[in-house]
N, C-alpha and C. Protein backbone atom coordinates (compact mmCIF):
# COMPACT_ATOMS: atom_id res chain seq x y z
N MET A 1 13.83 13.11 -23.22
CA MET A 1 15.26 13.32 -23.82
C MET A 1 15.30 13.19 -25.31
N GLU A 2 15.63 13.99 -25.96
CA GLU A 2 15.75 13.94 -27.50
C GLU A 2 17.05 14.01 -27.88
N PHE A 3 17.17 13.23 -28.85
CA PHE A 3 18.60 13.39 -29.91
C PHE A 3 18.28 13.12 -31.30
N GLU A 4 18.97 13.56 -32.18
CA GLU A 4 18.76 13.44 -33.51
C GLU A 4 19.64 12.24 -34.45
N ARG A 5 18.89 11.54 -35.00
CA ARG A 5 19.44 10.27 -35.91
C ARG A 5 18.94 10.60 -37.13
N ILE A 6 19.68 10.90 -38.18
CA ILE A 6 19.52 10.89 -39.47
C ILE A 6 18.47 11.84 -39.74
N GLY A 7 18.35 13.16 -39.06
CA GLY A 7 17.61 13.97 -39.35
C GLY A 7 16.32 13.76 -38.59
N VAL A 8 15.88 12.70 -37.90
CA VAL A 8 14.81 12.41 -37.15
C VAL A 8 14.88 12.45 -35.72
N LYS A 9 14.20 13.37 -35.22
CA LYS A 9 14.12 13.45 -33.62
C LYS A 9 13.52 12.35 -32.91
N MET A 10 14.32 11.79 -31.96
CA MET A 10 13.77 10.54 -31.28
C MET A 10 13.83 10.99 -29.86
N SER A 11 12.91 10.30 -29.02
CA SER A 11 12.92 10.37 -27.46
C SER A 11 13.18 9.28 -26.80
N ILE A 12 14.14 8.79 -26.06
CA ILE A 12 14.56 7.95 -25.27
C ILE A 12 13.94 8.18 -23.94
N LYS A 13 13.08 7.21 -23.39
CA LYS A 13 12.61 6.97 -22.24
C LYS A 13 13.12 5.91 -21.12
N GLU A 14 13.54 4.95 -21.80
CA GLU A 14 14.43 3.89 -21.03
C GLU A 14 15.39 3.31 -22.08
N PHE A 15 16.31 2.65 -21.02
CA PHE A 15 17.51 2.16 -21.76
C PHE A 15 18.25 1.05 -20.94
N ILE A 16 19.13 0.53 -21.48
CA ILE A 16 19.88 -0.45 -20.59
C ILE A 16 21.21 -0.09 -20.52
N LEU A 17 21.90 -0.12 -19.03
CA LEU A 17 23.30 0.31 -18.89
C LEU A 17 23.86 -0.41 -17.70
N GLY A 18 24.59 -1.34 -17.59
CA GLY A 18 24.90 -2.28 -16.49
C GLY A 18 24.33 -3.49 -16.35
N LYS A 19 24.94 -4.13 -15.48
CA LYS A 19 24.46 -5.37 -15.28
C LYS A 19 24.28 -5.76 -13.63
N TRP A 20 23.19 -6.33 -13.08
CA TRP A 20 23.46 -6.74 -11.88
C TRP A 20 22.51 -8.09 -11.76
N ASP A 21 23.33 -9.14 -10.75
CA ASP A 21 23.04 -10.31 -10.63
C ASP A 21 22.57 -10.92 -11.92
N GLY A 22 23.50 -10.60 -13.01
CA GLY A 22 23.69 -11.35 -14.30
C GLY A 22 22.61 -10.74 -15.06
N LYS A 23 21.77 -9.96 -14.55
CA LYS A 23 20.83 -9.26 -15.58
C LYS A 23 20.89 -7.89 -15.92
N PRO A 24 20.43 -7.47 -17.10
CA PRO A 24 20.74 -6.02 -17.47
C PRO A 24 19.88 -5.16 -16.83
N ILE A 25 20.39 -4.01 -16.44
CA ILE A 25 19.72 -3.12 -15.62
C ILE A 25 18.96 -2.12 -16.85
N GLU A 26 17.53 -1.89 -16.54
CA GLU A 26 16.88 -1.26 -17.27
C GLU A 26 16.77 0.28 -16.53
N TRP A 27 16.88 1.33 -17.11
CA TRP A 27 16.78 2.89 -16.51
C TRP A 27 15.72 3.46 -16.91
N SER A 28 15.11 4.34 -16.27
CA SER A 28 13.84 5.19 -16.92
C SER A 28 14.53 6.74 -16.64
N VAL A 29 14.34 7.56 -17.75
CA VAL A 29 14.79 8.90 -17.84
C VAL A 29 13.66 9.52 -16.89
N LEU A 30 13.85 10.56 -15.86
CA LEU A 30 13.37 11.27 -14.89
C LEU A 30 13.26 12.58 -15.25
N LYS A 31 14.29 13.37 -15.41
CA LYS A 31 14.58 14.73 -16.13
C LYS A 31 15.95 14.87 -16.48
N GLU A 32 15.88 16.05 -17.43
CA GLU A 32 17.42 16.50 -17.65
C GLU A 32 17.78 17.85 -17.10
N GLU A 33 19.07 17.91 -16.83
CA GLU A 33 19.71 18.92 -16.17
C GLU A 33 20.76 19.35 -17.18
N SER A 34 21.69 20.45 -16.76
CA SER A 34 22.50 21.20 -17.61
C SER A 34 23.65 20.04 -17.62
N PHE A 35 23.89 19.45 -16.32
CA PHE A 35 25.03 18.69 -16.33
C PHE A 35 24.79 17.08 -16.53
N GLY A 36 23.27 16.42 -16.67
CA GLY A 36 23.18 15.34 -16.78
C GLY A 36 21.74 15.09 -16.94
N THR A 37 21.74 14.01 -17.29
CA THR A 37 20.19 13.40 -17.02
C THR A 37 19.99 12.39 -15.84
N LEU A 38 18.74 12.80 -15.14
CA LEU A 38 18.48 11.74 -13.90
C LEU A 38 17.71 10.65 -14.31
N VAL A 39 18.26 9.41 -13.97
CA VAL A 39 17.42 8.27 -14.26
C VAL A 39 17.24 7.46 -12.71
N ILE A 40 16.51 6.77 -13.05
CA ILE A 40 16.25 5.58 -12.04
C ILE A 40 16.09 4.12 -12.73
N SER A 41 16.64 3.20 -11.81
CA SER A 41 16.23 1.75 -12.32
C SER A 41 14.68 1.42 -12.30
N LYS A 42 14.31 0.86 -13.49
CA LYS A 42 13.23 0.57 -13.64
C LYS A 42 12.43 -0.44 -12.68
N ASP A 43 13.35 -1.30 -12.23
CA ASP A 43 13.09 -2.19 -11.12
C ASP A 43 13.87 -2.25 -9.93
N ARG A 44 13.59 -2.85 -8.80
CA ARG A 44 14.49 -2.90 -7.63
C ARG A 44 15.68 -3.68 -7.85
N ILE A 45 16.76 -3.43 -7.32
CA ILE A 45 17.81 -4.01 -7.61
C ILE A 45 18.21 -5.21 -6.35
N ALA A 46 17.50 -4.75 -5.34
CA ALA A 46 17.58 -5.64 -4.08
C ALA A 46 16.76 -5.03 -3.04
N GLN A 47 16.57 -6.08 -1.90
CA GLN A 47 15.90 -5.62 -0.68
C GLN A 47 17.04 -5.48 0.39
N MET A 48 17.16 -4.32 0.81
CA MET A 48 18.07 -4.03 1.74
C MET A 48 17.76 -3.12 3.04
N VAL A 49 18.51 -3.11 4.09
CA VAL A 49 18.47 -2.19 5.19
C VAL A 49 19.04 -0.73 4.62
N PHE A 50 18.20 0.32 5.36
CA PHE A 50 18.88 1.61 5.01
C PHE A 50 20.31 1.85 5.58
N ASP A 51 20.40 1.37 6.96
CA ASP A 51 21.77 1.34 7.68
C ASP A 51 21.62 0.06 8.73
N ASN A 52 22.68 -0.53 9.08
CA ASN A 52 22.71 -1.71 9.81
C ASN A 52 22.62 -1.45 11.25
N SER A 53 22.54 -0.13 11.61
CA SER A 53 22.31 0.51 12.63
C SER A 53 20.41 0.70 12.92
N SER A 54 19.93 0.66 14.13
CA SER A 54 18.89 0.66 14.14
C SER A 54 18.29 2.47 14.36
N SER A 55 19.09 3.09 14.62
CA SER A 55 19.04 4.66 14.69
C SER A 55 19.71 5.76 13.82
N ASN A 56 20.38 4.94 12.93
CA ASN A 56 21.07 5.98 11.79
C ASN A 56 20.30 6.17 10.57
N ASN A 57 19.89 7.36 10.54
CA ASN A 57 18.87 7.87 9.33
C ASN A 57 19.59 8.75 8.59
N ASN A 58 20.83 8.89 8.70
CA ASN A 58 21.81 9.79 7.95
C ASN A 58 22.28 9.05 6.55
N TRP A 59 21.76 9.86 5.36
CA TRP A 59 22.24 9.20 4.20
C TRP A 59 23.80 9.16 4.01
N GLY A 60 24.26 10.33 4.67
CA GLY A 60 25.99 10.29 4.23
C GLY A 60 26.66 9.19 5.06
N SER A 61 25.94 8.64 5.85
CA SER A 61 26.99 7.78 6.66
C SER A 61 26.15 6.35 6.66
N CYS A 62 25.01 6.01 6.15
CA CYS A 62 24.49 4.84 5.97
C CYS A 62 25.10 3.75 5.21
N SER A 63 24.90 2.26 5.70
CA SER A 63 25.43 1.41 4.81
C SER A 63 24.66 1.04 3.53
N LEU A 64 23.47 1.66 3.19
CA LEU A 64 22.94 1.62 1.83
C LEU A 64 23.91 2.43 0.78
N ARG A 65 24.16 3.77 1.36
CA ARG A 65 25.05 4.58 0.51
C ARG A 65 26.26 4.02 0.21
N LYS A 66 26.96 3.48 1.17
CA LYS A 66 28.25 2.88 1.04
C LYS A 66 27.96 1.63 -0.20
N PHE A 67 27.22 1.05 0.00
CA PHE A 67 26.73 -0.19 -0.80
C PHE A 67 26.75 0.23 -2.32
N LEU A 68 25.70 1.37 -2.27
CA LEU A 68 25.68 1.95 -3.91
C LEU A 68 26.77 2.50 -4.40
N ASN A 69 27.47 3.13 -3.75
CA ASN A 69 28.53 3.77 -4.42
C ASN A 69 30.03 3.16 -4.27
N GLY A 70 29.81 1.91 -3.64
CA GLY A 70 30.92 0.79 -3.46
C GLY A 70 30.62 -0.39 -4.45
N ASP A 71 30.12 -1.39 -3.73
CA ASP A 71 30.02 -2.75 -4.64
C ASP A 71 29.15 -2.35 -5.75
N PHE A 72 28.08 -1.96 -5.65
CA PHE A 72 27.27 -1.97 -6.69
C PHE A 72 27.86 -1.12 -7.92
N PHE A 73 28.10 0.34 -7.64
CA PHE A 73 28.82 0.85 -8.40
C PHE A 73 30.03 0.17 -9.39
N ASN A 74 30.94 -0.53 -8.60
CA ASN A 74 32.18 -1.23 -9.22
C ASN A 74 31.94 -2.38 -9.97
N GLN A 75 30.58 -2.97 -9.57
CA GLN A 75 30.15 -4.39 -9.99
C GLN A 75 29.23 -4.39 -11.06
N ALA A 76 28.44 -3.20 -11.25
CA ALA A 76 27.37 -3.16 -12.05
C ALA A 76 27.55 -2.41 -13.35
N PHE A 77 28.78 -1.64 -13.54
CA PHE A 77 29.32 -1.18 -14.64
C PHE A 77 30.63 -1.49 -14.90
N SER A 78 30.73 -1.15 -16.42
CA SER A 78 32.13 -1.45 -16.92
C SER A 78 32.81 -0.14 -16.94
N ASP A 79 34.04 -0.01 -17.06
CA ASP A 79 34.90 1.01 -16.93
C ASP A 79 34.48 2.28 -17.86
N ASP A 80 33.63 1.81 -19.20
CA ASP A 80 33.29 2.79 -19.96
C ASP A 80 31.78 3.46 -19.52
N GLU A 81 31.05 2.45 -19.01
CA GLU A 81 29.72 2.68 -18.39
C GLU A 81 29.92 3.91 -17.29
N LYS A 82 30.86 3.32 -16.29
CA LYS A 82 31.28 4.59 -15.22
C LYS A 82 31.52 5.80 -15.74
N LYS A 83 32.23 6.00 -16.85
CA LYS A 83 32.73 7.41 -17.33
C LYS A 83 31.25 8.14 -17.82
N LYS A 84 30.25 7.76 -18.08
CA LYS A 84 28.92 8.02 -18.38
C LYS A 84 28.12 8.73 -17.21
N ILE A 85 28.64 8.22 -15.91
CA ILE A 85 28.00 8.43 -14.68
C ILE A 85 28.37 9.68 -14.04
N VAL A 86 27.54 10.74 -13.71
CA VAL A 86 28.04 12.08 -13.20
C VAL A 86 28.20 11.84 -11.72
N ASN A 87 29.56 12.28 -11.37
CA ASN A 87 29.66 12.33 -9.73
C ASN A 87 28.79 13.60 -9.28
N VAL A 88 27.72 13.71 -8.51
CA VAL A 88 26.98 14.98 -8.16
C VAL A 88 26.94 15.11 -6.64
N LYS A 89 26.80 16.34 -6.33
CA LYS A 89 26.79 16.83 -5.11
C LYS A 89 25.34 17.11 -4.52
N LEU A 90 24.72 16.17 -3.58
CA LEU A 90 23.29 16.13 -3.31
C LEU A 90 23.55 16.14 -1.64
N ASP A 91 22.85 17.37 -1.12
CA ASP A 91 22.69 17.33 0.36
C ASP A 91 24.07 17.15 0.74
N ASN A 92 25.01 18.22 0.18
CA ASN A 92 26.39 18.46 0.81
C ASN A 92 27.42 17.16 0.80
N ILE A 93 26.72 15.98 -0.08
CA ILE A 93 27.53 14.72 -0.26
C ILE A 93 27.72 14.57 -1.70
N LYS A 94 28.86 14.05 -1.97
CA LYS A 94 29.14 13.77 -3.48
C LYS A 94 28.89 12.30 -3.66
N ASP A 95 27.81 11.63 -4.74
CA ASP A 95 27.62 10.51 -4.94
C ASP A 95 27.47 10.50 -6.45
N ASP A 96 27.80 9.15 -6.79
CA ASP A 96 27.68 8.45 -8.33
C ASP A 96 26.26 7.95 -8.42
N ILE A 97 25.92 7.24 -7.48
CA ILE A 97 24.64 6.31 -7.20
C ILE A 97 23.90 6.86 -5.72
N PHE A 98 22.42 7.03 -6.10
CA PHE A 98 21.94 7.39 -4.61
C PHE A 98 20.38 6.93 -4.81
N ILE A 99 19.68 7.33 -3.90
CA ILE A 99 18.21 6.96 -3.69
C ILE A 99 17.48 8.19 -3.77
N LEU A 100 16.31 8.37 -4.40
CA LEU A 100 15.40 9.73 -4.81
C LEU A 100 14.95 9.98 -3.15
N THR A 101 14.68 11.26 -3.20
CA THR A 101 13.82 11.92 -1.85
C THR A 101 12.54 11.81 -2.04
N GLU A 102 11.62 11.71 -1.19
CA GLU A 102 10.38 11.68 -1.16
C GLU A 102 9.71 12.56 -2.15
N ASP A 103 10.29 13.71 -2.10
CA ASP A 103 9.98 14.97 -3.30
C ASP A 103 9.83 14.48 -4.53
N GLU A 104 11.23 13.83 -4.64
CA GLU A 104 11.62 13.62 -5.90
C GLU A 104 10.63 12.30 -6.67
N VAL A 105 10.35 11.48 -5.79
CA VAL A 105 9.32 10.45 -6.06
C VAL A 105 8.14 11.16 -6.40
N LYS A 106 7.46 11.99 -5.41
CA LYS A 106 6.08 12.44 -5.72
C LYS A 106 6.15 13.36 -7.17
N ASN A 107 7.28 13.94 -7.50
CA ASN A 107 7.21 15.21 -8.41
C ASN A 107 7.81 14.36 -9.73
N LEU A 108 8.44 13.36 -9.80
CA LEU A 108 9.03 12.71 -11.04
C LEU A 108 8.55 11.46 -11.58
N LEU A 109 8.01 10.42 -10.26
CA LEU A 109 7.26 9.26 -10.87
C LEU A 109 6.28 9.41 -11.38
N LYS A 110 5.65 8.54 -12.22
CA LYS A 110 4.41 8.74 -12.88
C LYS A 110 3.31 8.27 -12.05
N ASP A 111 2.09 8.46 -12.26
CA ASP A 111 1.06 7.92 -11.40
C ASP A 111 0.85 6.44 -11.95
N ASP A 112 1.10 5.99 -13.14
CA ASP A 112 0.99 4.68 -13.69
C ASP A 112 1.76 3.73 -12.95
N TYR A 113 3.12 4.42 -12.62
CA TYR A 113 4.19 3.55 -11.92
C TYR A 113 3.63 3.27 -10.52
N TYR A 114 2.78 4.09 -9.80
CA TYR A 114 2.47 3.83 -8.32
C TYR A 114 1.41 3.04 -8.41
N ASP A 115 0.39 3.05 -9.44
CA ASP A 115 -0.58 2.11 -9.45
C ASP A 115 -0.07 0.77 -10.12
N LYS A 116 0.90 0.46 -10.93
CA LYS A 116 1.52 -0.95 -11.10
C LYS A 116 2.28 -1.51 -9.77
N LEU A 117 2.73 -0.87 -9.03
CA LEU A 117 3.30 -1.02 -7.87
C LEU A 117 2.41 -1.58 -6.88
N ALA A 118 1.27 -0.95 -6.69
CA ALA A 118 0.17 -1.19 -5.91
C ALA A 118 -0.40 -2.58 -6.35
N ARG A 119 -0.57 -2.97 -7.65
CA ARG A 119 -1.09 -3.84 -7.98
C ARG A 119 -0.23 -5.21 -7.78
N ASN A 120 1.12 -5.09 -7.70
CA ASN A 120 1.88 -5.99 -7.68
C ASN A 120 2.41 -6.22 -6.42
N ARG A 121 1.77 -5.76 -5.28
CA ARG A 121 2.13 -5.85 -3.95
C ARG A 121 1.93 -7.18 -3.53
N ASN A 122 2.77 -7.84 -2.79
CA ASN A 122 2.26 -9.33 -2.44
C ASN A 122 2.19 -9.50 -0.87
N GLU A 123 2.48 -8.23 -0.10
CA GLU A 123 2.21 -8.35 1.38
C GLU A 123 2.37 -6.78 1.75
N LYS A 124 2.47 -6.34 2.77
CA LYS A 124 2.27 -4.84 3.32
C LYS A 124 3.37 -4.58 3.06
N CYS A 125 3.79 -3.45 2.29
CA CYS A 125 5.31 -2.71 2.11
C CYS A 125 6.24 -3.35 1.19
N ASN A 126 5.59 -4.47 0.45
CA ASN A 126 6.76 -5.21 -0.31
C ASN A 126 7.18 -4.61 -1.25
N SER A 127 6.64 -3.77 -1.96
CA SER A 127 6.87 -2.82 -3.09
C SER A 127 7.54 -1.45 -2.51
N CYS A 128 7.43 -1.21 -1.40
CA CYS A 128 8.01 0.18 -0.81
C CYS A 128 9.66 0.42 -1.08
N CYS A 129 10.02 1.42 -1.48
CA CYS A 129 11.63 1.55 -1.53
C CYS A 129 12.09 2.78 -0.82
N TRP A 130 13.13 2.62 -0.52
CA TRP A 130 13.73 3.53 0.48
C TRP A 130 13.89 4.74 -0.15
N THR A 131 13.82 6.05 0.46
CA THR A 131 14.09 7.39 0.04
C THR A 131 14.92 8.15 0.97
N ARG A 132 15.43 9.23 0.69
CA ARG A 132 16.43 9.73 1.55
C ARG A 132 15.80 11.34 1.90
N THR A 133 16.12 11.79 2.85
CA THR A 133 15.67 13.22 3.28
C THR A 133 17.10 13.92 3.30
N LYS A 134 16.82 15.37 3.11
CA LYS A 134 17.77 16.40 3.10
C LYS A 134 18.92 16.25 4.35
N ASP A 135 17.96 16.20 5.49
CA ASP A 135 18.84 16.72 6.48
C ASP A 135 19.10 15.11 7.58
N GLY A 136 18.60 14.07 6.90
CA GLY A 136 18.78 12.70 7.59
C GLY A 136 17.93 12.47 8.66
N THR A 137 17.11 13.37 9.04
CA THR A 137 16.47 13.12 10.61
C THR A 137 15.24 11.88 10.36
N ASN A 138 14.61 11.75 9.16
CA ASN A 138 13.57 10.95 9.31
C ASN A 138 13.51 9.99 7.66
N VAL A 139 14.03 8.80 8.07
CA VAL A 139 13.78 8.03 6.62
C VAL A 139 12.47 7.31 6.44
N ARG A 140 11.88 7.76 5.35
CA ARG A 140 10.67 7.37 4.68
C ARG A 140 10.83 6.21 3.52
N THR A 141 9.54 5.75 3.31
CA THR A 141 9.37 4.45 2.39
C THR A 141 8.38 5.06 1.68
N GLY A 142 8.17 4.57 0.52
CA GLY A 142 7.11 4.85 -0.55
C GLY A 142 7.01 4.07 -1.77
N TYR A 143 6.70 5.01 -2.75
CA TYR A 143 6.44 4.45 -4.16
C TYR A 143 5.08 3.67 -4.33
N ALA A 144 4.19 3.40 -3.59
CA ALA A 144 3.04 2.66 -4.04
C ALA A 144 1.90 3.43 -3.40
N SER A 145 0.87 3.44 -3.92
CA SER A 145 -0.36 4.25 -3.70
C SER A 145 -0.74 4.48 -2.03
N ALA A 146 -0.62 5.37 -1.76
CA ALA A 146 -1.13 5.39 -0.41
C ALA A 146 -0.03 4.59 0.68
N CYS A 147 1.08 4.70 0.62
CA CYS A 147 1.86 3.91 1.22
C CYS A 147 3.31 4.49 1.45
N TRP A 148 3.20 5.51 2.28
CA TRP A 148 4.59 6.29 2.73
C TRP A 148 4.50 5.88 4.12
N CYS A 149 5.49 4.66 4.52
CA CYS A 149 5.38 4.28 6.05
C CYS A 149 6.93 4.61 6.35
N PRO A 150 6.77 5.36 7.24
CA PRO A 150 8.09 5.28 8.29
C PRO A 150 8.61 3.99 8.91
N HIS A 151 9.84 3.82 8.61
CA HIS A 151 10.33 2.55 9.50
C HIS A 151 11.70 2.83 10.01
N SER A 152 12.17 1.94 10.72
CA SER A 152 13.60 2.30 11.35
C SER A 152 14.59 2.01 10.26
N PRO A 153 15.71 2.44 10.41
CA PRO A 153 16.86 2.11 9.15
C PRO A 153 17.20 0.62 9.09
N ASN A 154 16.96 -0.26 9.91
CA ASN A 154 17.24 -1.54 9.81
C ASN A 154 16.05 -2.56 9.19
N TYR A 155 14.98 -1.78 8.63
CA TYR A 155 14.15 -2.52 8.09
C TYR A 155 14.59 -2.80 6.77
N ARG A 156 14.08 -3.93 5.99
CA ARG A 156 14.21 -4.36 4.69
C ARG A 156 13.62 -3.58 3.99
N TYR A 157 13.54 -2.94 3.12
CA TYR A 157 12.88 -2.29 1.77
C TYR A 157 13.61 -2.64 0.65
N SER A 158 12.98 -2.28 -0.56
CA SER A 158 13.40 -2.20 -1.97
C SER A 158 14.14 -1.25 -2.23
N VAL A 159 15.29 -1.43 -3.03
CA VAL A 159 16.14 -0.55 -3.46
C VAL A 159 16.39 -0.21 -4.89
N ARG A 160 15.88 1.33 -5.31
CA ARG A 160 15.86 1.35 -6.86
C ARG A 160 16.88 2.43 -6.78
N PRO A 161 18.11 2.20 -7.47
CA PRO A 161 19.11 3.18 -7.26
C PRO A 161 18.83 4.41 -8.26
N ALA A 162 19.42 5.54 -8.24
CA ALA A 162 19.21 6.57 -9.12
C ALA A 162 20.60 7.28 -9.68
N MET A 163 20.83 7.94 -10.42
CA MET A 163 21.85 8.68 -11.17
C MET A 163 21.93 9.73 -11.94
N TYR A 164 22.69 10.34 -12.19
CA TYR A 164 22.82 11.15 -13.13
C TYR A 164 23.91 10.68 -14.27
N ILE A 165 23.46 10.72 -15.41
CA ILE A 165 24.33 10.48 -16.59
C ILE A 165 24.53 11.42 -17.83
N LYS A 166 25.55 11.35 -18.53
CA LYS A 166 25.99 12.24 -19.58
C LYS A 166 24.99 11.36 -20.77
N MET A 167 24.28 11.63 -21.48
CA MET A 167 23.71 10.81 -22.48
C MET A 167 24.49 10.88 -23.79
N LYS A 168 25.30 11.98 -23.92
CA LYS A 168 25.79 12.04 -25.10
C LYS A 168 27.50 11.66 -25.16
């Protein structure tokens, strides 16, 4: 993302918006669209289950989606910050905050991020994060090299929220 400041073009790759657990949330820019810029939290905000049920793989009705668009959205951002977040329709559902799909992770996150997570792993799947699928039939996790592990929705994995924002 580029913007002009006093005649000099600058590129923004990371910025801070909101707070969680008393700490500022750092965001990384993934891509620009006509309606907003897709960003993802630089670090995980929590380890959570995808859904409290052991069989619900559906993003539209899972407890993780309810948390991200409820408690997280309302507590992490000020009223002014919320105005910058674009409510988007993904997979026939409108969300302010969401998690990436496996394809988005593979296409938008850089190799150095995969390598960093692989180095920082303390135990099997400790660095893996939830992803969503378009049809909700399969929940997969990943983000670390060679680690795309399918698990039940009540397995605890890291959560890295994503969202579209208006940068101007």
